[in-house]
C-alpha atoms as a PDB file:
ATOM      1  CA  UNK A   1      99.702  47.469-102.818  1.00  0.00           C
ATOM      2  CA  UNK A   2      98.458  50.669-104.241  1.00  0.00           C
ATOM      3  CA  UNK A   3      96.620  48.727-106.936  1.00  0.00           C
ATOM      4  CA  UNK A   4      94.684  46.775-104.293  1.00  0.00           C
ATOM      5  CA  UNK A   5      93.793  50.061-102.345  1.00  0.00           C
ATOM      6  CA  UNK A   6      92.397  51.393-105.600  1.00  0.00           C
ATOM      7  CA  UNK A   7      90.383  48.197-106.179  1.00  0.00           C
ATOM      8  CA  UNK A   8      88.948  48.438-102.601  1.00  0.00           C
ATOM      9  CA  UNK A   9      88.128  52.165-103.036  1.00  0.00           C
ATOM     10  CA  UNK A  10      86.435  51.494-106.169  1.00  0.00           C
ATOM     11  CA  UNK A  11      84.344  48.583-104.670  1.00  0.00           C
ATOM     12  CA  UNK A  12      83.511  50.881-101.802  1.00  0.00           C
ATOM     13  CA  UNK A  13      82.204  53.662-104.217  1.00  0.00           C
ATOM     14  CA  UNK A  14      80.133  50.983-106.001  1.00  0.00           C
ATOM     15  CA  UNK A  15      78.549  49.794-103.057  1.00  0.00           C
ATOM     16  CA  UNK A  16      77.566  53.166-101.929  1.00  0.00           C
ATOM     17  CA  UNK A  17      76.004  53.816-105.495  1.00  0.00           C
ATOM     18  CA  UNK A  18      73.999  50.634-105.348  1.00  0.00           C
ATOM     19  CA  UNK A  19      72.280  51.468-102.055  1.00  0.00           C
ATOM     20  CA  UNK A  20      70.507  54.313-104.158  1.00  0.00           C
ATOM     21  CA  UNK A  21      68.908  51.593-106.279  1.00  0.00           C
ATOM     22  CA  UNK A  22      66.829  49.262-104.225  1.00  0.00           C
ATOM     23  CA  UNK A  23      65.144  46.553-106.131  1.00  0.00           C
ATOM     24  CA  UNK A  24      61.486  45.939-104.975  1.00  0.00           C
ATOM     25  CA  UNK A  25      59.687  42.852-106.346  1.00  0.00           C
ATOM     26  CA  UNK A  26      55.894  43.175-105.939  1.00  0.00           C
ATOM     27  CA  UNK A  27      53.920  40.533-104.614  1.00  0.00           C
ATOM     28  CA  UNK A  28      52.295  38.471-107.390  1.00  0.00           C
ATOM     29  CA  UNK A  29      48.471  39.213-107.715  1.00  0.00           C
ATOM     30  CA  UNK A  30      46.760  35.816-108.278  1.00  0.00           C
ATOM     31  CA  UNK A  31      43.386  35.728-109.815  1.00  0.00           C
ATOM     32  CA  UNK A  32      41.671  32.501-111.104  1.00  0.00           C
ATOM     33  CA  UNK A  33      39.944  32.671-114.358  1.00  0.00           C
ATOM     34  CA  UNK A  34      36.220  31.980-114.023  1.00  0.00           C
ATOM     35  CA  UNK A  35      35.037  28.609-115.070  1.00  0.00           C
ATOM     36  CA  UNK A  36      33.677  28.798-118.671  1.00  0.00           C
ATOM     37  CA  UNK A  37      30.135  28.499-119.109  1.00  0.00           C
ATOM     38  CA  UNK A  38      29.116  26.549-122.252  1.00  0.00           C
ATOM     39  CA  UNK A  39      25.922  27.279-124.002  1.00  0.00           C
ATOM     40  CA  UNK A  40      23.718  24.442-124.587  1.00  0.00           C
ATOM     41  CA  UNK A  41      23.675  23.366-128.271  1.00  0.00           C
ATOM     42  CA  UNK A  42      21.315  21.608-130.329  1.00  0.00           C
ATOM     43  CA  UNK A  43      22.377  17.889-131.110  1.00  0.00           C
ATOM     44  CA  UNK A  44      22.449  18.389-134.967  1.00  0.00           C
ATOM     45  CA  UNK A  45      24.960  21.377-134.521  1.00  0.00           C
ATOM     46  CA  UNK A  46      27.135  19.359-132.304  1.00  0.00           C
ATOM     47  CA  UNK A  47      27.052  16.347-134.815  1.00  0.00           C
ATOM     48  CA  UNK A  48      27.943  18.758-137.592  1.00  0.00           C
ATOM     49  CA  UNK A  49      30.774  20.503-135.549  1.00  0.00           C
ATOM     50  CA  UNK A  50      32.124  17.094-134.889  1.00  0.00           C
ATOM     51  CA  UNK A  51      31.972  15.954-138.440  1.00  0.00           C
ATOM     52  CA  UNK A  52      33.671  19.479-139.535  1.00  0.00           C
ATOM     53  CA  UNK A  53      36.522  18.892-137.306  1.00  0.00           C
ATOM     54  CA  UNK A  54      37.082  15.487-138.365  1.00  0.00           C
ATOM     55  CA  UNK A  55      37.236  16.723-142.058  1.00  0.00           C
ATOM     56  CA  UNK A  56      39.508  19.517-140.817  1.00  0.00           C
ATOM     57  CA  UNK A  57      41.992  17.074-139.197  1.00  0.00           C
ATOM     58  CA  UNK A  58      41.933  15.076-142.567  1.00  0.00           C
ATOM     59  CA  UNK A  59      42.564  18.193-144.726  1.00  0.00           C
ATOM     60  CA  UNK A  60      39.407  17.511-146.424  1.00  0.00           C
ATOM     61  CA  UNK A  61      37.311  20.523-146.522  1.00  0.00           C
ATOM     62  CA  UNK A  62      37.128  21.240-150.271  1.00  0.00           C
ATOM     63  CA  UNK A  63      33.548  20.191-150.610  1.00  0.00           C
ATOM     64  CA  UNK A  64      32.473  22.458-147.477  1.00  0.00           C
ATOM     65  CA  UNK A  65      34.337  25.286-149.001  1.00  0.00           C
ATOM     66  CA  UNK A  66      32.190  25.230-152.046  1.00  0.00           C
ATOM     67  CA  UNK A  67      29.151  26.130-149.604  1.00  0.00           C
ATOM     68  CA  UNK A  68      30.959  28.916-147.655  1.00  0.00           C
ATOM     69  CA  UNK A  69      30.188  32.258-149.181  1.00  0.00           C
ATOM     70  CA  UNK A  70      30.462  34.235-146.041  1.00  0.00           C
ATOM     71  CA  UNK A  71      33.992  33.422-144.783  1.00  0.00           C
ATOM     72  CA  UNK A  72      32.841  31.078-141.935  1.00  0.00           C
ATOM     73  CA  UNK A  73      35.444  28.508-142.600  1.00  0.00           C
ATOM     74  CA  UNK A  74      38.249  30.959-142.118  1.00  0.00           C
ATOM     75  CA  UNK A  75      36.985  31.915-138.624  1.00  0.00           C
ATOM     76  CA  UNK A  76      36.270  28.343-137.668  1.00  0.00           C
ATOM     77  CA  UNK A  77      39.682  27.021-138.970  1.00  0.00           C
ATOM     78  CA  UNK A  78      41.637  29.673-137.190  1.00  0.00           C
ATOM     79  CA  UNK A  79      40.050  28.777-133.878  1.00  0.00           C
ATOM     80  CA  UNK A  80      40.792  25.159-134.474  1.00  0.00           C
ATOM     81  CA  UNK A  81      44.343  25.683-135.450  1.00  0.00           C
ATOM     82  CA  UNK A  82      44.939  27.869-132.369  1.00  0.00           C
ATOM     83  CA  UNK A  83      43.345  25.170-130.007  1.00  0.00           C
ATOM     84  CA  UNK A  84      44.651  22.128-131.641  1.00  0.00           C
ATOM     85  CA  UNK A  85      45.705  20.561-128.225  1.00  0.00           C
ATOM     86  CA  UNK A  86      42.151  20.010-127.052  1.00  0.00           C
ATOM     87  CA  UNK A  87      40.615  16.645-127.543  1.00  0.00           C
ATOM     88  CA  UNK A  88      37.964  16.402-130.245  1.00  0.00           C
ATOM     89  CA  UNK A  89      35.127  16.322-127.654  1.00  0.00           C
ATOM     90  CA  UNK A  90      36.473  19.431-125.903  1.00  0.00           C
ATOM     91  CA  UNK A  91      37.295  21.090-129.135  1.00  0.00           C
ATOM     92  CA  UNK A  92      33.681  20.688-130.231  1.00  0.00           C
ATOM     93  CA  UNK A  93      32.304  22.306-126.950  1.00  0.00           C
ATOM     94  CA  UNK A  94      34.717  25.076-127.030  1.00  0.00           C
ATOM     95  CA  UNK A  95      34.527  25.886-130.724  1.00  0.00           C
ATOM     96  CA  UNK A  96      30.796  25.877-130.611  1.00  0.00           C
ATOM     97  CA  UNK A  97      30.898  27.990-127.513  1.00  0.00           C
ATOM     98  CA  UNK A  98      32.618  30.714-129.486  1.00  0.00           C
ATOM     99  CA  UNK A  99      31.783  30.196-133.215  1.00  0.00           C
ATOM    100  CA  UNK A 100      28.183  28.592-132.989  1.00  0.00           C
ATOM    101  CA  UNK A 101      27.097  31.404-135.331  1.00  0.00           C
ATOM    102  CA  UNK A 102      29.667  30.522-137.994  1.00  0.00           C
ATOM    103  CA  UNK A 103      28.679  26.910-137.888  1.00  0.00           C
ATOM    104  CA  UNK A 104      24.913  27.990-137.991  1.00  0.00           C
ATOM    105  CA  UNK A 105      25.749  30.239-140.930  1.00  0.00           C
ATOM    106  CA  UNK A 106      27.467  27.562-142.821  1.00  0.00           C
ATOM    107  CA  UNK A 107      24.966  24.906-142.100  1.00  0.00           C
ATOM    108  CA  UNK A 108      22.338  27.407-143.521  1.00  0.00           C
ATOM    109  CA  UNK A 109      24.303  27.580-146.650  1.00  0.00           C
ATOM    110  CA  UNK A 110      24.668  23.832-146.848  1.00  0.00           C
ATOM    111  CA  UNK A 111      20.819  23.459-146.168  1.00  0.00           C
ATOM    112  CA  UNK A 112      19.895  25.918-148.897  1.00  0.00           C
ATOM    113  CA  UNK A 113      22.174  24.602-151.609  1.00  0.00           C
ATOM    114  CA  UNK A 114      21.671  20.816-150.662  1.00  0.00           C
ATOM    115  CA  UNK A 115      18.020  20.873-149.665  1.00  0.00           C
ATOM    116  CA  UNK A 116      18.721  18.752-146.652  1.00  0.00           C
ATOM    117  CA  UNK A 117      17.397  18.746-143.204  1.00  0.00           C
ATOM    118  CA  UNK A 118      20.276  18.677-140.729  1.00  0.00           C
ATOM    119  CA  UNK A 119      18.331  17.663-137.818  1.00  0.00           C
ATOM    120  CA  UNK A 120      17.920  14.133-139.326  1.00  0.00           C
ATOM    121  CA  UNK A 121      21.763  13.755-139.510  1.00  0.00           C
ATOM    122  CA  UNK A 122      22.204  12.184-136.103  1.00  0.00           C
ATOM    123  CA  UNK A 123      25.651  10.543-136.656  1.00  0.00           C
ATOM    124  CA  UNK A 124      29.019  11.098-138.075  1.00  0.00           C
ATOM    125  CA  UNK A 125      28.288   8.442-140.699  1.00  0.00           C
ATOM    126  CA  UNK A 126      25.072  10.408-141.860  1.00  0.00           C
ATOM    127  CA  UNK A 127      27.209  13.455-142.442  1.00  0.00           C
ATOM    128  CA  UNK A 128      30.057  11.414-144.107  1.00  0.00           C
ATOM    129  CA  UNK A 129      27.656   9.800-146.614  1.00  0.00           C
ATOM    130  CA  UNK A 130      26.175  13.140-147.494  1.00  0.00           C
ATOM    131  CA  UNK A 131      29.641  14.505-148.078  1.00  0.00           C
ATOM    132  CA  UNK A 132      30.711  11.678-150.154  1.00  0.00           C
ATOM    133  CA  UNK A 133      27.428  12.081-152.246  1.00  0.00           C
ATOM    134  CA  UNK A 134      28.427  15.906-152.616  1.00  0.00           C
ATOM    135  CA  UNK A 135      31.716  14.773-153.886  1.00  0.00           C
ATOM    136  CA  UNK A 136      30.328  12.364-156.430  1.00  0.00           C
ATOM    137  CA  UNK A 137      28.193  15.220-157.872  1.00  0.00           C
ATOM    138  CA  UNK A 138      31.416  17.044-159.009  1.00  0.00           C
ATOM    139  CA  UNK A 139      32.268  16.083-162.432  1.00  0.00           C
ATOM    140  CA  UNK A 140      35.865  14.581-162.892  1.00  0.00           C
ATOM    141  CA  UNK A 141      38.444  16.592-164.631  1.00  0.00           C
ATOM    142  CA  UNK A 142      40.922  15.401-167.248  1.00  0.00           C
ATOM    143  CA  UNK A 143      44.229  16.541-166.351  1.00  0.00           C
END
């Protein structure tokens, strides 16, 4: 019986000590994020971004890498990797909202080196034909 009396005394002692530490859970502050505002982008830039993302998904950016002298591809690809769950249409809209300057800079380098007018590239197929033409200009290697 003395053992049970000791347990009861210990339990009473613990209950006294826990009254000193009251746990208070604060009420959650709920804030809604503001709806994203998207900048209006020129059609040629949207077409280029759509083409770029398709090549990114195919792991086929080697040719594009030959144009990038300012590290734009790294910034763009990091964003694409972190937001891979967007549909391509949503991804184009979002990536251009954040990295339009990277796409413009990369496109400026493409224009300077290839002597093209990006505004006449109205479709994905136009960009794809250009890309294949660029690929065909690379001499084959003997390995």
